[in-house]
C-alpha atoms as a PDB file:
ATOM      1  CA  MET A   1      11.489  18.988  -8.208  1.00  0.00           C
ATOM      2  CA  GLY A   2      12.455  15.459  -7.068  1.00  0.00           C
ATOM      3  CA  GLN A   3      15.749  14.371  -8.614  1.00  0.00           C
ATOM      4  CA  ASN A   4      14.342  10.973  -9.567  1.00  0.00           C
ATOM      5  CA  SER A   5      10.746  12.176 -10.109  1.00  0.00           C
ATOM      6  CA  GLN A   6       9.388   9.055  -8.408  1.00  0.00           C
ATOM      7  CA  THR A   7       6.383   9.311  -6.106  1.00  0.00           C
ATOM      8  CA  ILE A   8       5.959   7.449  -2.823  1.00  0.00           C
ATOM      9  CA  LEU A   9       2.577   7.146  -1.131  1.00  0.00           C
ATOM     10  CA  ILE A  10       3.059   6.650   2.605  1.00  0.00           C
ATOM     11  CA  THR A  11      -0.002   5.927   4.707  1.00  0.00           C
ATOM     12  CA  GLY A  12      -0.199   7.307   8.227  1.00  0.00           C
ATOM     13  CA  ALA A  13       2.548   9.807   7.448  1.00  0.00           C
ATOM     14  CA  ALA A  14       1.520  12.836   9.493  1.00  0.00           C
ATOM     15  CA  LYS A  15       3.586  11.842  12.521  1.00  0.00           C
ATOM     16  CA  ARG A  16       5.832   9.242  14.166  1.00  0.00           C
ATOM     17  CA  LEU A  17       7.446   6.706  11.805  1.00  0.00           C
ATOM     18  CA  GLY A  18       5.375   7.677   8.766  1.00  0.00           C
ATOM     19  CA  LYS A  19       6.488  11.300   8.991  1.00  0.00           C
ATOM     20  CA  PHE A  20      10.121  10.274   9.442  1.00  0.00           C
ATOM     21  CA  LEU A  21       9.960   8.072   6.346  1.00  0.00           C
ATOM     22  CA  ALA A  22       8.285  10.829   4.327  1.00  0.00           C
ATOM     23  CA  VAL A  23      10.876  13.456   5.272  1.00  0.00           C
ATOM     24  CA  SER A  24      13.783  11.034   4.770  1.00  0.00           C
ATOM     25  CA  PHE A  25      12.654  10.014   1.289  1.00  0.00           C
ATOM     26  CA  ALA A  26      12.025  13.654   0.397  1.00  0.00           C
ATOM     27  CA  GLN A  27      15.613  14.439   1.354  1.00  0.00           C
ATOM     28  CA  ILE A  28      16.875  12.054  -1.331  1.00  0.00           C
ATOM     29  CA  GLY A  29      14.567  13.417  -4.008  1.00  0.00           C
ATOM     30  CA  TYR A  30      11.298  11.467  -3.902  1.00  0.00           C
ATOM     31  CA  ASN A  31       7.955  13.223  -4.279  1.00  0.00           C
ATOM     32  CA  ILE A  32       5.663  12.417  -1.373  1.00  0.00           C
ATOM     33  CA  ALA A  33       1.956  11.618  -1.237  1.00  0.00           C
ATOM     34  CA  LEU A  34       1.271  11.998   2.468  1.00  0.00           C
ATOM     35  CA  HIS A  35      -1.801  10.226   3.803  1.00  0.00           C
ATOM     36  CA  TYR A  36      -3.452  11.034   7.119  1.00  0.00           C
ATOM     37  CA  ASN A  37      -6.727  10.187   8.798  1.00  0.00           C
ATOM     38  CA  SER A  38      -7.454  12.630  11.642  1.00  0.00           C
ATOM     39  CA  SER A  39      -4.105  14.424  12.157  1.00  0.00           C
ATOM     40  CA  LYS A  40      -4.729  17.259   9.705  1.00  0.00           C
ATOM     41  CA  GLN A  41      -2.611  19.916  11.410  1.00  0.00           C
ATOM     42  CA  GLU A  42       0.334  17.551  11.763  1.00  0.00           C
ATOM     43  CA  ALA A  43      -0.061  16.606   8.086  1.00  0.00           C
ATOM     44  CA  ILE A  44       0.036  20.267   7.024  1.00  0.00           C
ATOM     45  CA  GLU A  45       3.171  20.843   9.097  1.00  0.00           C
ATOM     46  CA  ALA A  46       4.825  17.748   7.629  1.00  0.00           C
ATOM     47  CA  GLN A  47       3.894  18.903   4.120  1.00  0.00           C
ATOM     48  CA  LYS A  48       5.592  22.267   4.667  1.00  0.00           C
ATOM     49  CA  LEU A  49       8.727  20.545   5.937  1.00  0.00           C
ATOM     50  CA  ILE A  50       8.818  18.174   2.968  1.00  0.00           C
ATOM     51  CA  GLN A  51       8.230  20.948   0.438  1.00  0.00           C
ATOM     52  CA  SER A  52      11.270  22.738   1.874  1.00  0.00           C
ATOM     53  CA  LYS A  53      13.309  19.825   0.455  1.00  0.00           C
ATOM     54  CA  GLU A  54      12.339  21.048  -3.044  1.00  0.00           C
ATOM     55  CA  VAL A  55      10.169  18.051  -3.890  1.00  0.00           C
ATOM     56  CA  LYS A  56       6.432  17.805  -4.506  1.00  0.00           C
ATOM     57  CA  CYS A  57       4.242  16.895  -1.567  1.00  0.00           C
ATOM     58  CA  GLN A  58       0.487  16.730  -1.302  1.00  0.00           C
ATOM     59  CA  ILE A  59      -1.617  15.587   1.646  1.00  0.00           C
ATOM     60  CA  PHE A  60      -4.589  13.221   1.297  1.00  0.00           C
ATOM     61  CA  GLN A  61      -7.174  12.440   3.978  1.00  0.00           C
ATOM     62  CA  ALA A  62      -8.789   9.008   4.187  1.00  0.00           C
ATOM     63  CA  ASP A  63     -10.247   6.733   6.859  1.00  0.00           C
ATOM     64  CA  LEU A  64      -8.720   3.456   5.718  1.00  0.00           C
ATOM     65  CA  GLN A  65     -11.347   1.334   7.462  1.00  0.00           C
ATOM     66  CA  SER A  66     -13.481   1.906   4.362  1.00  0.00           C
ATOM     67  CA  VAL A  67     -12.641   0.005   1.174  1.00  0.00           C
ATOM     68  CA  LYS A  68     -14.104   2.838  -0.914  1.00  0.00           C
ATOM     69  CA  ASN A  69     -11.797   5.294   0.829  1.00  0.00           C
ATOM     70  CA  CYS A  70      -8.792   3.076   0.077  1.00  0.00           C
ATOM     71  CA  GLN A  71      -9.684   2.954  -3.584  1.00  0.00           C
ATOM     72  CA  LYS A  72     -10.400   6.690  -3.658  1.00  0.00           C
ATOM     73  CA  LEU A  73      -7.038   7.455  -2.048  1.00  0.00           C
ATOM     74  CA  ILE A  74      -5.120   5.613  -4.768  1.00  0.00           C
ATOM     75  CA  THR A  75      -7.179   7.352  -7.474  1.00  0.00           C
ATOM     76  CA  GLU A  76      -6.635  10.797  -5.961  1.00  0.00           C
ATOM     77  CA  VAL A  77      -2.880  10.306  -5.630  1.00  0.00           C
ATOM     78  CA  LYS A  78      -2.605   9.031  -9.226  1.00  0.00           C
ATOM     79  CA  ASP A  79      -4.653  11.970 -10.488  1.00  0.00           C
ATOM     80  CA  TYR A  80      -2.417  14.457  -8.700  1.00  0.00           C
ATOM     81  CA  PHE A  81       1.022  12.945  -9.386  1.00  0.00           C
ATOM     82  CA  GLY A  82       0.266  11.013 -12.575  1.00  0.00           C
ATOM     83  CA  THR A  83       1.527   7.763 -11.086  1.00  0.00           C
ATOM     84  CA  ILE A  84       2.499   6.057  -7.833  1.00  0.00           C
ATOM     85  CA  ASP A  85       5.840   4.286  -7.952  1.00  0.00           C
ATOM     86  CA  ILE A  86       6.030   3.040  -4.372  1.00  0.00           C
ATOM     87  CA  LEU A  87       3.375   2.283  -1.754  1.00  0.00           C
ATOM     88  CA  ILE A  88       4.487   2.103   1.873  1.00  0.00           C
ATOM     89  CA  ASN A  89       1.716   0.674   4.038  1.00  0.00           C
ATOM     90  CA  ASN A  90       2.653   2.265   7.339  1.00  0.00           C
ATOM     91  CA  SER A  91      -0.801   2.962   8.836  1.00  0.00           C
ATOM     92  CA  SER A  92      -1.530   0.724  11.782  1.00  0.00           C
ATOM     93  CA  VAL A  93      -3.658   0.588  14.913  1.00  0.00           C
ATOM     94  CA  PHE A  94      -2.740  -1.108  18.167  1.00  0.00           C
ATOM     95  CA  ILE A  95      -6.036  -1.811  19.889  1.00  0.00           C
ATOM     96  CA  GLU A  96      -5.866  -3.680  23.176  1.00  0.00           C
ATOM     97  CA  GLY A  97      -7.938  -6.768  23.935  1.00  0.00           C
ATOM     98  CA  ASN A  98      -7.209 -10.363  24.910  1.00  0.00           C
ATOM     99  CA  PHE A  99      -9.099 -13.219  23.271  1.00  0.00           C
ATOM    100  CA  GLN A 100     -11.963 -13.338  25.795  1.00  0.00           C
ATOM    101  CA  ASP A 101     -12.399  -9.565  26.000  1.00  0.00           C
ATOM    102  CA  THR A 102     -12.179  -8.776  22.279  1.00  0.00           C
ATOM    103  CA  THR A 103     -15.345  -7.150  20.981  1.00  0.00           C
ATOM    104  CA  GLU A 104     -16.451  -6.957  17.383  1.00  0.00           C
ATOM    105  CA  GLU A 105     -15.378  -3.298  17.367  1.00  0.00           C
ATOM    106  CA  ILE A 106     -11.846  -4.147  18.542  1.00  0.00           C
ATOM    107  CA  PHE A 107     -11.599  -7.002  16.054  1.00  0.00           C
ATOM    108  CA  ASP A 108     -12.865  -4.895  13.159  1.00  0.00           C
ATOM    109  CA  GLU A 109     -10.621  -1.905  13.803  1.00  0.00           C
ATOM    110  CA  ASN A 110      -7.463  -4.005  14.109  1.00  0.00           C
ATOM    111  CA  PHE A 111      -8.203  -6.034  10.992  1.00  0.00           C
ATOM    112  CA  ASN A 112      -9.722  -3.206   8.943  1.00  0.00           C
ATOM    113  CA  VAL A 113      -6.666  -0.985   9.269  1.00  0.00           C
ATOM    114  CA  ASN A 114      -3.864  -3.521   9.671  1.00  0.00           C
ATOM    115  CA  TYR A 115      -4.992  -6.009   7.019  1.00  0.00           C
ATOM    116  CA  LYS A 116      -8.067  -5.173   4.940  1.00  0.00           C
ATOM    117  CA  SER A 117      -6.954  -1.656   4.013  1.00  0.00           C
ATOM    118  CA  ILE A 118      -3.591  -2.970   2.839  1.00  0.00           C
ATOM    119  CA  PHE A 119      -5.300  -5.630   0.748  1.00  0.00           C
ATOM    120  CA  PHE A 120      -7.419  -3.070  -1.106  1.00  0.00           C
ATOM    121  CA  LEU A 121      -4.768  -0.359  -1.309  1.00  0.00           C
ATOM    122  CA  SER A 122      -2.446  -2.929  -2.876  1.00  0.00           C
ATOM    123  CA  GLN A 123      -5.186  -4.092  -5.232  1.00  0.00           C
ATOM    124  CA  ALA A 124      -5.754  -0.548  -6.492  1.00  0.00           C
ATOM    125  CA  PHE A 125      -2.022   0.192  -6.624  1.00  0.00           C
ATOM    126  CA  ALA A 126      -1.420  -2.979  -8.669  1.00  0.00           C
ATOM    127  CA  LYS A 127      -3.220  -1.394 -11.617  1.00  0.00           C
ATOM    128  CA  ASN A 128       0.127   0.364 -12.150  1.00  0.00           C
ATOM    129  CA  ASN A 129       2.384  -1.345 -14.683  1.00  0.00           C
ATOM    130  CA  SER A 130       5.199  -1.659 -12.160  1.00  0.00           C
ATOM    131  CA  GLY A 131       6.288  -0.562  -8.715  1.00  0.00           C
ATOM    132  CA  ASN A 132       7.052  -1.492  -5.129  1.00  0.00           C
ATOM    133  CA  ILE A 133       4.949  -2.252  -2.082  1.00  0.00           C
ATOM    134  CA  ILE A 134       6.518  -2.199   1.374  1.00  0.00           C
ATOM    135  CA  ASN A 135       4.481  -3.377   4.360  1.00  0.00           C
ATOM    136  CA  ILE A 136       5.233  -2.670   8.024  1.00  0.00           C
ATOM    137  CA  LEU A 137       4.813  -5.761  10.197  1.00  0.00           C
ATOM    138  CA  ASP A 138       5.844  -6.420  13.813  1.00  0.00           C
ATOM    139  CA  THR A 139       8.741  -8.425  15.194  1.00  0.00           C
ATOM    140  CA  LYS A 140       6.219 -10.419  17.265  1.00  0.00           C
ATOM    141  CA  ILE A 141       4.516 -12.039  14.235  1.00  0.00           C
ATOM    142  CA  ASN A 142       5.927 -15.425  15.228  1.00  0.00           C
ATOM    143  CA  LYS A 143       4.803 -15.079  18.842  1.00  0.00           C
ATOM    144  CA  LYS A 144       1.627 -14.660  20.871  1.00  0.00           C
ATOM    145  CA  LEU A 145       0.473 -11.424  22.498  1.00  0.00           C
ATOM    146  CA  LYS A 146      -2.296 -12.164  24.970  1.00  0.00           C
ATOM    147  CA  ARG A 147      -3.048  -8.507  25.703  1.00  0.00           C
ATOM    148  CA  PHE A 148      -3.185  -7.494  22.011  1.00  0.00           C
ATOM    149  CA  PHE A 149      -4.658 -10.672  20.589  1.00  0.00           C
ATOM    150  CA  THR A 150      -6.347  -9.408  17.417  1.00  0.00           C
ATOM    151  CA  TYR A 151      -3.658  -6.797  16.765  1.00  0.00           C
ATOM    152  CA  ILE A 152      -0.904  -9.400  16.453  1.00  0.00           C
ATOM    153  CA  ASN A 153      -3.179 -11.750  14.512  1.00  0.00           C
ATOM    154  CA  SER A 154      -3.876  -8.980  12.010  1.00  0.00           C
ATOM    155  CA  LYS A 155      -0.116  -8.585  11.557  1.00  0.00           C
ATOM    156  CA  LYS A 156       0.273 -12.348  11.146  1.00  0.00           C
ATOM    157  CA  ALA A 157      -2.368 -12.240   8.429  1.00  0.00           C
ATOM    158  CA  LEU A 158      -0.498  -9.361   6.789  1.00  0.00           C
ATOM    159  CA  TYR A 159       2.689 -11.447   6.844  1.00  0.00           C
ATOM    160  CA  GLN A 160       0.951 -14.108   4.749  1.00  0.00           C
ATOM    161  CA  LEU A 161      -0.606 -11.495   2.472  1.00  0.00           C
ATOM    162  CA  ASN A 162       2.870 -10.064   1.880  1.00  0.00           C
ATOM    163  CA  GLN A 163       4.084 -13.450   0.624  1.00  0.00           C
ATOM    164  CA  ASP A 164       1.004 -14.108  -1.505  1.00  0.00           C
ATOM    165  CA  LEU A 165       1.088 -10.673  -3.129  1.00  0.00           C
ATOM    166  CA  ALA A 166       4.764 -11.083  -3.971  1.00  0.00           C
ATOM    167  CA  LEU A 167       3.833 -14.167  -6.001  1.00  0.00           C
ATOM    168  CA  ASP A 168       0.641 -12.789  -7.458  1.00  0.00           C
ATOM    169  CA  LEU A 169       2.039  -9.426  -8.567  1.00  0.00           C
ATOM    170  CA  ALA A 170       5.396 -10.589  -9.919  1.00  0.00           C
ATOM    171  CA  PRO A 171       7.233  -9.734 -12.072  1.00  0.00           C
ATOM    172  CA  ASN A 172       5.997  -6.153 -12.390  1.00  0.00           C
ATOM    173  CA  ILE A 173       5.452  -5.315  -8.721  1.00  0.00           C
ATOM    174  CA  ARG A 174       7.746  -6.315  -5.886  1.00  0.00           C
ATOM    175  CA  VAL A 175       6.325  -6.759  -2.375  1.00  0.00           C
ATOM    176  CA  ASN A 176       8.457  -6.824   0.771  1.00  0.00           C
ATOM    177  CA  ALA A 177       8.034  -6.130   4.477  1.00  0.00           C
ATOM    178  CA  ILE A 178       9.837  -4.719   7.487  1.00  0.00           C
ATOM    179  CA  ALA A 179       9.222  -6.128  10.968  1.00  0.00           C
ATOM    180  CA  PRO A 180      10.446  -3.655  13.607  1.00  0.00           C
ATOM    181  CA  CYS A 181      10.326  -3.994  17.360  1.00  0.00           C
ATOM    182  CA  ILE A 182       8.791  -1.363  19.628  1.00  0.00           C
ATOM    183  CA  PHE A 183      10.723   1.898  19.265  1.00  0.00           C
ATOM    184  CA  LEU A 184       8.351   4.672  20.364  1.00  0.00           C
ATOM    185  CA  PRO A 185       6.225   4.896  23.518  1.00  0.00           C
ATOM    186  CA  SER A 186       2.574   3.869  23.159  1.00  0.00           C
ATOM    187  CA  HIS A 187      -0.151   2.739  25.548  1.00  0.00           C
ATOM    188  CA  ASP A 188       1.693   2.242  28.864  1.00  0.00           C
ATOM    189  CA  PHE A 189       4.839   1.089  27.068  1.00  0.00           C
ATOM    190  CA  ASP A 190       6.938   4.036  28.200  1.00  0.00           C
ATOM    191  CA  GLU A 191      10.646   4.677  27.676  1.00  0.00           C
ATOM    192  CA  GLN A 192      11.490   2.692  30.819  1.00  0.00           C
ATOM    193  CA  TYR A 193       9.663  -0.344  29.403  1.00  0.00           C
ATOM    194  CA  ILE A 194      11.419   0.040  26.044  1.00  0.00           C
ATOM    195  CA  ALA A 195      14.799   0.267  27.821  1.00  0.00           C
ATOM    196  CA  LYS A 196      14.003  -2.991  29.632  1.00  0.00           C
ATOM    197  CA  ARG A 197      13.221  -4.648  26.301  1.00  0.00           C
ATOM    198  CA  VAL A 198      16.481  -3.351  24.830  1.00  0.00           C
ATOM    199  CA  LYS A 199      18.539  -5.097  27.512  1.00  0.00           C
ATOM    200  CA  ALA A 200      17.018  -8.431  26.482  1.00  0.00           C
ATOM    201  CA  THR A 201      17.890  -8.091  22.794  1.00  0.00           C
ATOM    202  CA  PRO A 202      21.174  -9.337  21.269  1.00  0.00           C
ATOM    203  CA  LEU A 203      22.359  -5.956  19.956  1.00  0.00           C
ATOM    204  CA  ASN A 204      21.380  -4.192  23.190  1.00  0.00           C
ATOM    205  CA  ARG A 205      20.280  -0.867  21.712  1.00  0.00           C
ATOM    206  CA  TYR A 206      17.166   0.963  20.624  1.00  0.00           C
ATOM    207  CA  THR A 207      15.769   0.573  17.144  1.00  0.00           C
ATOM    208  CA  LYS A 208      16.048   3.925  15.414  1.00  0.00           C
ATOM    209  CA  MET A 209      13.576   5.134  12.817  1.00  0.00           C
ATOM    210  CA  GLU A 210      16.582   5.659  10.569  1.00  0.00           C
ATOM    211  CA  ASP A 211      17.172   1.887  10.686  1.00  0.00           C
ATOM    212  CA  ILE A 212      13.690   1.319   9.276  1.00  0.00           C
ATOM    213  CA  PHE A 213      14.165   3.987   6.606  1.00  0.00           C
ATOM    214  CA  LYS A 214      17.458   2.425   5.469  1.00  0.00           C
ATOM    215  CA  THR A 215      15.738  -0.946   5.137  1.00  0.00           C
ATOM    216  CA  ALA A 216      12.900   0.526   3.067  1.00  0.00           C
ATOM    217  CA  GLU A 217      15.442   2.262   0.826  1.00  0.00           C
ATOM    218  CA  PHE A 218      17.319  -1.044   0.456  1.00  0.00           C
ATOM    219  CA  PHE A 219      14.153  -2.800  -0.696  1.00  0.00           C
ATOM    220  CA  ILE A 220      13.526  -0.096  -3.280  1.00  0.00           C
ATOM    221  CA  LYS A 221      17.057  -0.091  -4.653  1.00  0.00           C
ATOM    222  CA  ASN A 222      17.557  -3.863  -4.811  1.00  0.00           C
ATOM    223  CA  ASP A 223      15.328  -4.879  -7.711  1.00  0.00           C
ATOM    224  CA  PHE A 224      15.883  -8.619  -7.210  1.00  0.00           C
ATOM    225  CA  LEU A 225      14.093  -8.814  -3.866  1.00  0.00           C
ATOM    226  CA  THR A 226      10.448  -9.744  -3.419  1.00  0.00           C
ATOM    227  CA  GLY A 227       8.499 -11.613  -0.760  1.00  0.00           C
ATOM    228  CA  GLN A 228      11.152 -10.856   1.839  1.00  0.00           C
ATOM    229  CA  ILE A 229      10.786  -9.931   5.514  1.00  0.00           C
ATOM    230  CA  ILE A 230      13.571  -8.082   7.299  1.00  0.00           C
ATOM    231  CA  TYR A 231      13.392  -7.930  11.090  1.00  0.00           C
ATOM    232  CA  VAL A 232      14.716  -4.526  12.134  1.00  0.00           C
ATOM    233  CA  ASP A 233      14.743  -5.355  15.822  1.00  0.00           C
ATOM    234  CA  GLY A 234      18.296  -5.897  17.035  1.00  0.00           C
ATOM    235  CA  GLY A 235      17.690  -9.642  17.004  1.00  0.00           C
ATOM    236  CA  GLU A 236      14.644  -9.544  19.299  1.00  0.00           C
ATOM    237  CA  ASN A 237      12.792 -12.055  17.113  1.00  0.00           C
ATOM    238  CA  LEU A 238      15.478 -14.625  17.981  1.00  0.00           C
ATOM    239  CA  VAL A 239      14.793 -14.599  21.718  1.00  0.00           C
ATOM    240  CA  ILE A 240      11.781 -15.189  23.935  1.00  0.00           C
ATOM    241  CA  LEU A 241      10.702 -11.997  25.674  1.00  0.00           C
ATOM    242  CA  THR A 242       8.036 -11.547  28.315  1.00  0.00           C
ATOM    243  CA  ASN A 243       5.425  -9.164  26.981  1.00  0.00           C
ATOM    244  CA  LYS A 244       2.192  -7.712  28.263  1.00  0.00           C
END
């Protein structure tokens, strides 16, 4: 099986970035615990692809808005693999709503998935003797998004949690984060919109999912890094961009 026999739990790994990370880590010998919420068929397909890399892969369903489900997920993965070496908190929701229009439902979903679930997943994971946690932030954490008010505030809260956990869980568990810019279409942010954003960034090219994978791998391999944030955004965080 996996050449290093380490297990990575990746949340939201049935498609998009999570799937890419799962397949990429499988290719270099990691066993994969693949979490999904509602995308069961996509998860099964991803599992088959990962197993073709001659590593172990098991899928786990959980609605991460529930604390009990977060705790159960960690328990189920540990029971199956024996341990979890790395937790990549990739699951995220991007629910629209400005400050005045935000309902309790919008607020709760953004914060439940983007912050609370990570808090309790990390708490359960920390019962391991050692390991790594990698959180996925957003390049806009130092800016304001009027249209996605509670979404970006949940990511800002996660930024602070990342720093606090790095202190609280040291020296046995390292905690770092990646802050990418937009790289896949979502909502009405189509490829034309992304191309417009690219022209305003210093490196003037798209962020590739491979760039994010390489950064995650770097965090895992460099055992003297904790509490760090790497912006994988072509320098977008350095400039002021008009956003919806």
